[in-house]
């Protein structure tokens, strides 16, 4: 009998049309800064109902560009959940701002609005200029409430939606896509291969603010300014007849080389055309997990759901009572791996990382610590079938039986 294939916690789904889209760019005149970039930006903006989308080479770059665009710097403080990938906090440090870490709800892994208010109240250094709510695993927690808090406290909201492409949330009778930026200044996405759509490496920022969009585009490409109306040295910029010298450009402020290539954007556009199907499949797999895990509660439970959010699951995270099972997480992961089930931990709380401990000392965030102690990411990706989910849950049930609890 052939062994069942190993199930990683996540992987890309690449079809022949994706390969054809990339091959077409390779045969074209443009490998970078060409029409495929603008096409993906227009497609992404339409998909999330935002006026502007600025593509870049990673989700990390997207967060850094957002920090640059609002002028964050030394003396400023950014509120960042501790349960996130390190880039959410590092983006603030890249520009010299400080981080105030925000606790999370141990049942969802999300920082809720009241957690941000508590972090705002205890912020120790400088003035709070921004908050970066993280839509962990694909869920978002009351963006409209965050917008109200930000308006009352005079700070800017930058959504970290690197997990949440396709997620929708309700406000009254209105449904919004994450990325529409209706309740934030900007929204950052990642298109790493394990995300809902794959770009190879890539990211984007969406916004409703045209001035922010222009700054994001300029900082994305070294900080170079090519718009004639913004030139400072008019004598050097203009020819004798008053027209702009065709080669001319200026550098008002240094930026970064965060551009994305046409190769990556062609892949992303092809993948984005399948977003509805991918989203539906991820939702379906999540619902199946939820049903099959129910008998294993309270030892093993899915993430709790937040109200008014219809998530597209990037990650499927279980909360496991390892002490009650009589097994530590490393041993559980090893046992699951032997059963052909790959797992991961998302994430080590960022406030525990040595760099941030040296910078800010020991911080007590009980929700983040409790969530970290129990979380385990299970396989979830397009291409899995019902039997794969059943196999994962059966392996987890085996841990429960070994503990004599099932």
Protein backbone atom coordinates (compact mmCIF):
# COMPACT_ATOMS: atom_id res chain seq x y z
CA UNK A 1 0.00 0.00 0.00
CA UNK A 2 1.31 3.46 -0.94
CA UNK A 3 1.87 5.73 2.04
CA UNK A 4 -0.30 8.82 2.19
CA UNK A 5 1.59 11.95 1.12
CA UNK A 6 3.07 14.20 3.78
CA UNK A 7 0.85 17.20 4.54
CA UNK A 8 2.80 20.43 5.15
CA UNK A 9 1.05 23.16 7.13
CA UNK A 10 0.80 25.25 3.95
CA UNK A 11 1.86 25.33 0.32
CA UNK A 12 1.14 27.08 -2.97
CA UNK A 13 -1.23 25.84 -5.66
CA UNK A 14 0.21 26.44 -9.13
CA UNK A 15 -1.74 25.59 -12.31
CA UNK A 16 -0.77 25.62 -15.99
CA UNK A 17 -2.37 29.05 -16.46
CA UNK A 18 -0.04 30.48 -13.80
CA UNK A 19 2.97 29.01 -15.60
CA UNK A 20 1.71 30.36 -18.92
CA UNK A 21 1.30 33.85 -17.46
CA UNK A 22 4.91 33.87 -16.25
CA UNK A 23 6.18 32.43 -19.54
CA UNK A 24 4.39 35.20 -21.44
CA UNK A 25 6.29 37.83 -19.47
CA UNK A 26 9.58 36.04 -20.09
CA UNK A 27 8.87 36.29 -23.82
CA UNK A 28 7.91 39.97 -23.58
CA UNK A 29 9.93 43.19 -23.63
CA UNK A 30 9.40 43.86 -19.90
CA UNK A 31 10.72 41.79 -17.02
CA UNK A 32 10.25 44.55 -14.44
CA UNK A 33 8.59 47.99 -14.03
CA UNK A 34 6.34 47.10 -16.96
CA UNK A 35 2.65 46.61 -17.71
CA UNK A 36 2.22 43.44 -15.63
CA UNK A 37 2.86 45.49 -12.48
CA UNK A 38 0.13 48.00 -13.26
CA UNK A 39 -2.24 45.19 -14.28
CA UNK A 40 -1.84 43.44 -10.94
CA UNK A 41 -2.26 46.68 -9.02
CA UNK A 42 -5.50 47.42 -10.84
CA UNK A 43 -6.76 43.85 -10.32
CA UNK A 44 -5.94 43.87 -6.61
CA UNK A 45 -7.55 47.27 -6.06
CA UNK A 46 -10.72 46.01 -7.72
CA UNK A 47 -10.68 42.75 -5.74
CA UNK A 48 -10.63 44.51 -2.36
CA UNK A 49 -12.64 47.60 -3.38
CA UNK A 50 -9.86 50.13 -2.83
CA UNK A 51 -8.98 53.05 -5.12
CA UNK A 52 -5.22 52.48 -4.90
CA UNK A 53 -2.98 49.41 -4.68
CA UNK A 54 0.81 49.70 -4.62
CA UNK A 55 2.65 46.45 -5.17
CA UNK A 56 6.08 45.77 -3.65
CA UNK A 57 8.43 42.87 -3.09
CA UNK A 58 7.16 41.56 0.27
CA UNK A 59 4.66 42.07 3.05
CA UNK A 60 7.54 43.33 5.18
CA UNK A 61 8.31 46.00 2.59
CA UNK A 62 4.62 46.92 2.53
CA UNK A 63 4.63 47.59 6.28
CA UNK A 64 7.90 49.54 6.06
CA UNK A 65 6.56 51.66 3.20
CA UNK A 66 3.41 52.40 5.19
CA UNK A 67 5.53 53.58 8.13
CA UNK A 68 7.55 55.82 5.81
CA UNK A 69 4.44 57.19 4.13
CA UNK A 70 3.00 58.61 7.36
CA UNK A 71 6.38 59.92 8.49
CA UNK A 72 6.95 57.74 11.53
CA UNK A 73 10.28 58.28 13.21
CA UNK A 74 12.18 58.68 16.49
CA UNK A 75 9.95 59.83 19.34
CA UNK A 76 6.91 58.07 17.88
CA UNK A 77 5.29 54.92 19.29
CA UNK A 78 3.48 52.21 17.33
CA UNK A 79 1.04 49.78 18.96
CA UNK A 80 1.73 46.24 17.67
CA UNK A 81 0.22 42.89 18.75
CA UNK A 82 2.76 40.49 20.19
CA UNK A 83 1.23 37.51 18.34
CA UNK A 84 2.41 38.25 14.82
CA UNK A 85 5.34 37.76 12.50
CA UNK A 86 8.26 39.93 13.57
CA UNK A 87 7.93 42.23 10.54
CA UNK A 88 4.89 43.93 12.08
CA UNK A 89 7.06 45.32 14.87
CA UNK A 90 10.29 45.59 12.91
CA UNK A 91 8.66 48.00 10.43
CA UNK A 92 8.38 50.53 13.25
CA UNK A 93 11.98 50.03 14.29
CA UNK A 94 13.20 50.45 10.69
CA UNK A 95 12.13 54.09 10.87
CA UNK A 96 13.35 54.65 14.44
CA UNK A 97 9.95 54.50 16.15
CA UNK A 98 9.33 52.58 19.35
CA UNK A 99 6.95 49.66 19.79
CA UNK A 100 4.36 49.22 22.52
CA UNK A 101 3.33 45.59 22.41
CA UNK A 102 -0.37 44.78 22.62
CA UNK A 103 -1.80 41.75 24.37
CA UNK A 104 -4.16 39.34 22.60
CA UNK A 105 -7.29 37.36 23.30
CA UNK A 106 -6.03 33.88 24.14
CA UNK A 107 -8.99 32.24 22.37
CA UNK A 108 -8.48 33.94 18.98
CA UNK A 109 -4.88 35.19 18.90
CA UNK A 110 -6.26 38.61 18.00
CA UNK A 111 -5.64 41.94 19.67
CA UNK A 112 -9.14 43.32 20.25
CA UNK A 113 -9.96 47.04 20.43
CA UNK A 114 -9.83 47.09 24.24
CA UNK A 115 -6.33 45.59 24.12
CA UNK A 116 -5.20 48.53 21.97
CA UNK A 117 -6.79 51.00 24.37
CA UNK A 118 -4.92 49.39 27.28
CA UNK A 119 -1.63 49.55 25.35
CA UNK A 120 -2.27 53.19 24.44
CA UNK A 121 -2.78 54.01 28.12
CA UNK A 122 0.48 52.39 29.22
CA UNK A 123 2.70 53.54 26.32
CA UNK A 124 5.93 54.63 27.94
CA UNK A 125 8.02 56.34 25.29
CA UNK A 126 7.02 59.23 23.04
CA UNK A 127 3.63 59.82 21.43
CA UNK A 128 1.50 57.05 19.99
CA UNK A 129 1.32 57.81 16.26
CA UNK A 130 0.09 54.53 14.81
CA UNK A 131 -1.40 51.12 15.49
CA UNK A 132 -0.94 47.99 13.39
CA UNK A 133 -3.81 45.57 14.07
CA UNK A 134 -2.92 42.10 12.79
CA UNK A 135 -5.67 40.02 11.17
CA UNK A 136 -4.30 36.81 12.61
CA UNK A 137 -4.95 33.61 10.63
CA UNK A 138 -7.46 35.49 8.45
CA UNK A 139 -9.82 36.97 11.07
CA UNK A 140 -10.23 40.68 11.73
CA UNK A 141 -11.54 42.15 14.96
CA UNK A 142 -13.92 45.11 14.61
CA UNK A 143 -12.00 47.43 12.24
CA UNK A 144 -14.70 50.08 12.63
CA UNK A 145 -14.12 50.17 16.41
CA UNK A 146 -10.37 50.54 15.86
CA UNK A 147 -11.06 53.45 13.52
CA UNK A 148 -13.12 55.19 16.23
CA UNK A 149 -10.43 54.64 18.85
CA UNK A 150 -7.77 55.98 16.48
CA UNK A 151 -9.82 59.09 15.71
CA UNK A 152 -10.40 59.76 19.41
CA UNK A 153 -6.73 59.17 20.32
CA UNK A 154 -5.27 60.83 17.20
CA UNK A 155 -3.25 57.96 15.76
CA UNK A 156 -3.17 56.25 12.36
CA UNK A 157 -4.30 52.68 11.71
CA UNK A 158 -2.23 50.52 9.35
CA UNK A 159 -3.85 47.11 8.95
CA UNK A 160 -1.54 44.11 8.77
CA UNK A 161 -3.70 41.96 6.50
CA UNK A 162 -0.89 39.68 5.39
CA UNK A 163 -3.09 36.73 6.49
CA UNK A 164 -6.43 38.08 5.34
CA UNK A 165 -6.80 38.47 1.57
CA UNK A 166 -10.45 37.83 0.72
CA UNK A 167 -11.73 38.22 4.28
CA UNK A 168 -14.96 40.22 4.66
CA UNK A 169 -16.43 41.98 7.68
CA UNK A 170 -19.74 43.61 8.42
CA UNK A 171 -20.56 47.04 9.77
CA UNK A 172 -24.30 47.35 10.23
CA UNK A 173 -25.87 46.30 6.94
CA UNK A 174 -22.66 46.98 5.01
CA UNK A 175 -20.11 44.33 4.03
CA UNK A 176 -16.50 45.37 3.50
CA UNK A 177 -13.46 43.56 2.17
CA UNK A 178 -10.30 43.66 4.22
CA UNK A 179 -8.09 45.87 2.09
CA UNK A 180 -10.79 48.38 1.20
CA UNK A 181 -9.14 50.66 3.82
CA UNK A 182 -12.55 52.03 4.81
CA UNK A 183 -11.51 51.90 8.46
CA UNK A 184 -7.77 52.50 8.19
CA UNK A 185 -5.25 54.65 6.39
CA UNK A 186 -3.56 51.71 4.68
CA UNK A 187 -3.71 47.94 4.52
CA UNK A 188 -0.66 45.70 3.95
CA UNK A 189 -0.77 42.31 2.22
CA UNK A 190 1.70 39.47 1.67
CA UNK A 191 1.73 37.04 -1.25
CA UNK A 192 4.31 34.57 0.04
CA UNK A 193 3.74 31.02 -1.33
CA UNK A 194 1.87 29.81 1.77
CA UNK A 195 -0.59 32.73 1.60
CA UNK A 196 -3.98 32.64 -0.14
CA UNK A 197 -2.43 33.69 -3.46
CA UNK A 198 1.22 33.23 -4.36
CA UNK A 199 3.51 35.74 -5.99
CA UNK A 200 6.77 33.97 -5.19
CA UNK A 201 7.77 36.82 -2.92
CA UNK A 202 5.62 39.93 -2.91
CA UNK A 203 3.32 42.28 -1.09
CA UNK A 204 1.12 45.30 -1.55
CA UNK A 205 -0.45 48.24 0.24
CA UNK A 206 -3.97 49.46 -0.45
CA UNK A 207 -5.33 52.87 0.49
CA UNK A 208 -8.10 55.32 -0.27
CA UNK A 209 -5.75 58.30 0.09
CA UNK A 210 -4.21 59.50 -3.18
CA UNK A 211 -1.45 61.47 -1.46
CA UNK A 212 -0.40 58.40 0.55
CA UNK A 213 -0.45 56.33 -2.63
CA UNK A 214 1.97 58.72 -4.33
CA UNK A 215 4.34 58.65 -1.36
CA UNK A 216 4.22 54.87 -1.25
CA UNK A 217 5.11 54.64 -4.95
CA UNK A 218 7.99 57.08 -4.54
CA UNK A 219 9.46 55.35 -1.48
CA UNK A 220 9.08 51.99 -3.25
CA UNK A 221 11.52 53.09 -5.97
CA UNK A 222 14.49 54.69 -4.18
CA UNK A 223 12.53 57.85 -3.30
CA UNK A 224 12.89 59.17 -6.84
CA UNK A 225 10.46 61.90 -7.88
CA UNK A 226 9.51 62.11 -11.57
CA UNK A 227 6.45 64.36 -11.39
CA UNK A 228 7.31 67.73 -12.86
CA UNK A 229 5.00 69.65 -10.54
CA UNK A 230 7.06 68.51 -7.56
CA UNK A 231 10.53 69.35 -8.89
CA UNK A 232 12.47 71.71 -6.64
CA UNK A 233 15.33 72.66 -8.96
CA UNK A 234 13.28 74.15 -11.80
CA UNK A 235 16.35 75.49 -13.63
CA UNK A 236 17.85 72.01 -13.93
CA UNK A 237 14.50 70.36 -14.62
CA UNK A 238 13.35 72.51 -17.54
CA UNK A 239 14.65 72.93 -21.08
CA UNK A 240 14.94 76.35 -22.74
CA UNK A 241 11.41 76.11 -24.11
CA UNK A 242 9.98 75.38 -20.66
CA UNK A 243 9.38 71.67 -21.22
CA UNK A 244 10.71 69.11 -18.75
CA UNK A 245 14.07 67.59 -19.64
CA UNK A 246 13.22 63.97 -20.54
CA UNK A 247 15.96 62.45 -18.39
CA UNK A 248 15.36 64.53 -15.31
CA UNK A 249 14.39 63.26 -11.88
CA UNK A 250 15.01 64.31 -8.28
CA UNK A 251 15.55 62.72 -4.88
CA UNK A 252 13.68 64.67 -2.20
CA UNK A 253 14.16 61.87 0.35
CA UNK A 254 15.89 58.49 0.11
CA UNK A 255 13.66 55.48 -0.42
CA UNK A 256 14.25 51.79 -1.05
CA UNK A 257 14.34 49.35 -3.91
CA UNK A 258 11.11 47.59 -2.99
CA UNK A 259 9.80 47.16 -6.53
CA UNK A 260 8.16 43.93 -7.68
CA UNK A 261 8.97 42.44 -11.07
CA UNK A 262 6.59 41.79 -13.96
CA UNK A 263 7.41 38.11 -13.54
CA UNK A 264 6.06 38.08 -10.00
CA UNK A 265 3.11 40.28 -10.87
CA UNK A 266 2.07 38.08 -13.79
CA UNK A 267 1.93 35.12 -11.43
CA UNK A 268 0.02 37.17 -8.86
CA UNK A 269 -2.56 38.37 -11.40
CA UNK A 270 -3.19 34.80 -12.55
CA UNK A 271 -3.52 33.63 -8.96
CA UNK A 272 -5.81 36.55 -8.06
CA UNK A 273 -8.23 35.52 -10.80
CA UNK A 274 -8.84 32.37 -8.73
CA UNK A 275 -9.32 34.17 -5.41
CA UNK A 276 -13.03 33.38 -5.12
CA UNK A 277 -12.37 29.66 -5.58
CA UNK A 278 -9.38 29.64 -3.27
CA UNK A 279 -11.30 31.57 -0.60
CA UNK A 280 -14.29 29.22 -0.79
CA UNK A 281 -12.03 26.18 -0.48
CA UNK A 282 -10.17 27.57 2.52
CA UNK A 283 -13.46 28.41 4.21
CA UNK A 284 -14.80 24.93 3.47
CA UNK A 285 -11.71 23.20 4.86
CA UNK A 286 -11.91 25.38 7.97
CA UNK A 287 -15.54 24.44 8.54
CA UNK A 288 -14.68 20.75 8.15
CA UNK A 289 -11.89 21.04 10.70
CA UNK A 290 -14.26 22.76 13.11
CA UNK A 291 -16.82 19.94 12.87
CA UNK A 292 -14.28 17.14 13.16
CA UNK A 293 -12.40 18.73 16.08
CA UNK A 294 -15.56 19.26 18.15
CA UNK A 295 -15.41 15.80 19.81
CA UNK A 296 -11.83 16.47 20.97
CA UNK A 297 -12.78 19.53 23.05
CA UNK A 298 -11.76 20.80 25.52
CA UNK A 299 -8.34 19.22 25.02
CA UNK A 300 -8.11 20.35 21.39
CA UNK A 301 -10.16 23.26 20.08
CA UNK A 302 -10.15 25.52 17.03
CA UNK A 303 -9.68 29.25 17.29
CA UNK A 304 -12.73 31.04 18.61
CA UNK A 305 -14.62 33.04 16.00
CA UNK A 306 -15.13 36.79 16.21
CA UNK A 307 -18.45 38.36 15.30
CA UNK A 308 -19.17 40.12 12.01
CA UNK A 309 -16.16 38.57 10.26
CA UNK A 310 -16.19 36.05 7.42
CA UNK A 311 -12.54 34.95 7.32
CA UNK A 312 -10.57 33.38 4.54
CA UNK A 313 -8.31 31.16 6.62
CA UNK A 314 -4.63 31.58 5.85
CA UNK A 315 -3.73 29.39 8.82
CA UNK A 316 -5.74 26.78 10.64
CA UNK A 317 -4.66 26.99 14.25
CA UNK A 318 -5.74 24.62 17.03
CA UNK A 319 -5.47 25.41 20.72
CA UNK A 320 -4.19 22.35 22.55
CA UNK A 321 -4.02 21.72 26.29
CA UNK A 322 -0.63 20.03 26.20
CA UNK A 323 -0.30 19.61 30.00
CA UNK A 324 -3.66 17.84 30.16
CA UNK A 325 -2.57 15.55 27.32
CA UNK A 326 0.62 14.77 29.21
CA UNK A 327 2.78 15.63 26.19
CA UNK A 328 4.79 18.71 25.36
CA UNK A 329 4.36 20.53 22.07
CA UNK A 330 7.67 19.40 20.56
CA UNK A 331 6.84 15.75 21.24
CA UNK A 332 3.36 16.24 19.80
CA UNK A 333 4.78 17.78 16.64
CA UNK A 334 7.22 14.89 16.29
CA UNK A 335 4.42 12.34 16.69
CA UNK A 336 2.26 14.13 14.13
CA UNK A 337 5.17 14.32 11.70
CA UNK A 338 5.60 10.55 11.96
CA UNK A 339 1.91 10.29 11.03
CA UNK A 340 2.57 12.41 7.92
CA UNK A 341 1.17 15.64 9.35
CA UNK A 342 3.27 18.79 9.25
CA UNK A 343 2.66 21.49 11.85
CA UNK A 344 4.11 24.84 12.85
CA UNK A 345 3.83 27.43 15.62
CA UNK A 346 2.53 30.90 14.75
CA UNK A 347 4.08 32.68 16.59
CA UNK A 348 6.64 33.07 19.34
CA UNK A 349 5.39 36.31 20.96
CA UNK A 350 7.49 39.12 19.59
CA UNK A 351 7.86 40.76 23.01
CA UNK A 352 9.83 37.65 24.05
CA UNK A 353 12.41 38.02 21.28
CA UNK A 354 15.90 38.88 22.61
CA UNK A 355 16.15 42.12 20.65
CA UNK A 356 12.91 43.48 22.09
CA UNK A 357 13.67 42.19 25.61
CA UNK A 358 16.96 44.08 25.54
CA UNK A 359 15.16 47.18 24.27
CA UNK A 360 12.11 47.23 26.55
CA UNK A 361 12.79 44.72 29.32
CA UNK A 362 10.50 41.94 30.48
CA UNK A 363 6.87 42.60 29.52
CA UNK A 364 3.85 40.81 30.95
CA UNK A 365 1.24 40.00 28.31
CA UNK A 366 -0.74 37.09 29.77
CA UNK A 367 -3.06 36.61 26.80
CA UNK A 368 -0.18 36.39 24.33
CA UNK A 369 1.74 34.01 26.58
CA UNK A 370 -1.30 31.75 27.10
CA UNK A 371 -2.05 31.70 23.39
CA UNK A 372 1.53 30.85 22.50
CA UNK A 373 1.63 28.02 25.03
CA UNK A 374 -1.35 26.30 23.38
CA UNK A 375 -1.27 27.12 19.65
CA UNK A 376 -0.41 24.67 16.89
CA UNK A 377 -0.91 25.31 13.18
CA UNK A 378 -2.40 22.40 11.22
CA UNK A 379 -2.25 21.78 7.46
CA UNK A 380 -4.53 24.02 5.39
CA UNK A 381 -4.03 24.72 1.69
CA UNK A 382 -5.85 24.55 -1.61
CA UNK A 383 -5.43 21.02 -2.93
CA UNK A 384 -6.24 19.30 0.36
CA UNK A 385 -9.29 17.04 0.32
CA UNK A 386 -11.71 15.91 3.02
CA UNK A 387 -9.67 12.77 3.59
CA UNK A 388 -6.58 14.87 4.34
CA UNK A 389 -8.44 16.83 7.03
CA UNK A 390 -9.82 13.57 8.45
CA UNK A 391 -6.28 12.18 8.58
CA UNK A 392 -5.01 15.21 10.49
CA UNK A 393 -7.84 15.01 13.02
CA UNK A 394 -7.36 11.26 13.38
CA UNK A 395 -3.70 11.85 14.24
CA UNK A 396 -4.73 14.40 16.87
CA UNK A 397 -7.32 11.98 18.23
CA UNK A 398 -4.50 9.46 18.56
CA UNK A 399 -2.68 11.86 20.90
CA UNK A 400 -5.83 12.12 23.00
CA UNK A 401 -6.17 8.32 23.18
CA UNK A 402 -2.52 7.91 24.14
CA UNK A 403 -3.14 10.30 27.00
CA UNK A 404 -5.98 8.07 28.13
CA UNK A 405 -8.43 10.93 27.67
CA UNK A 406 -10.41 9.65 24.69
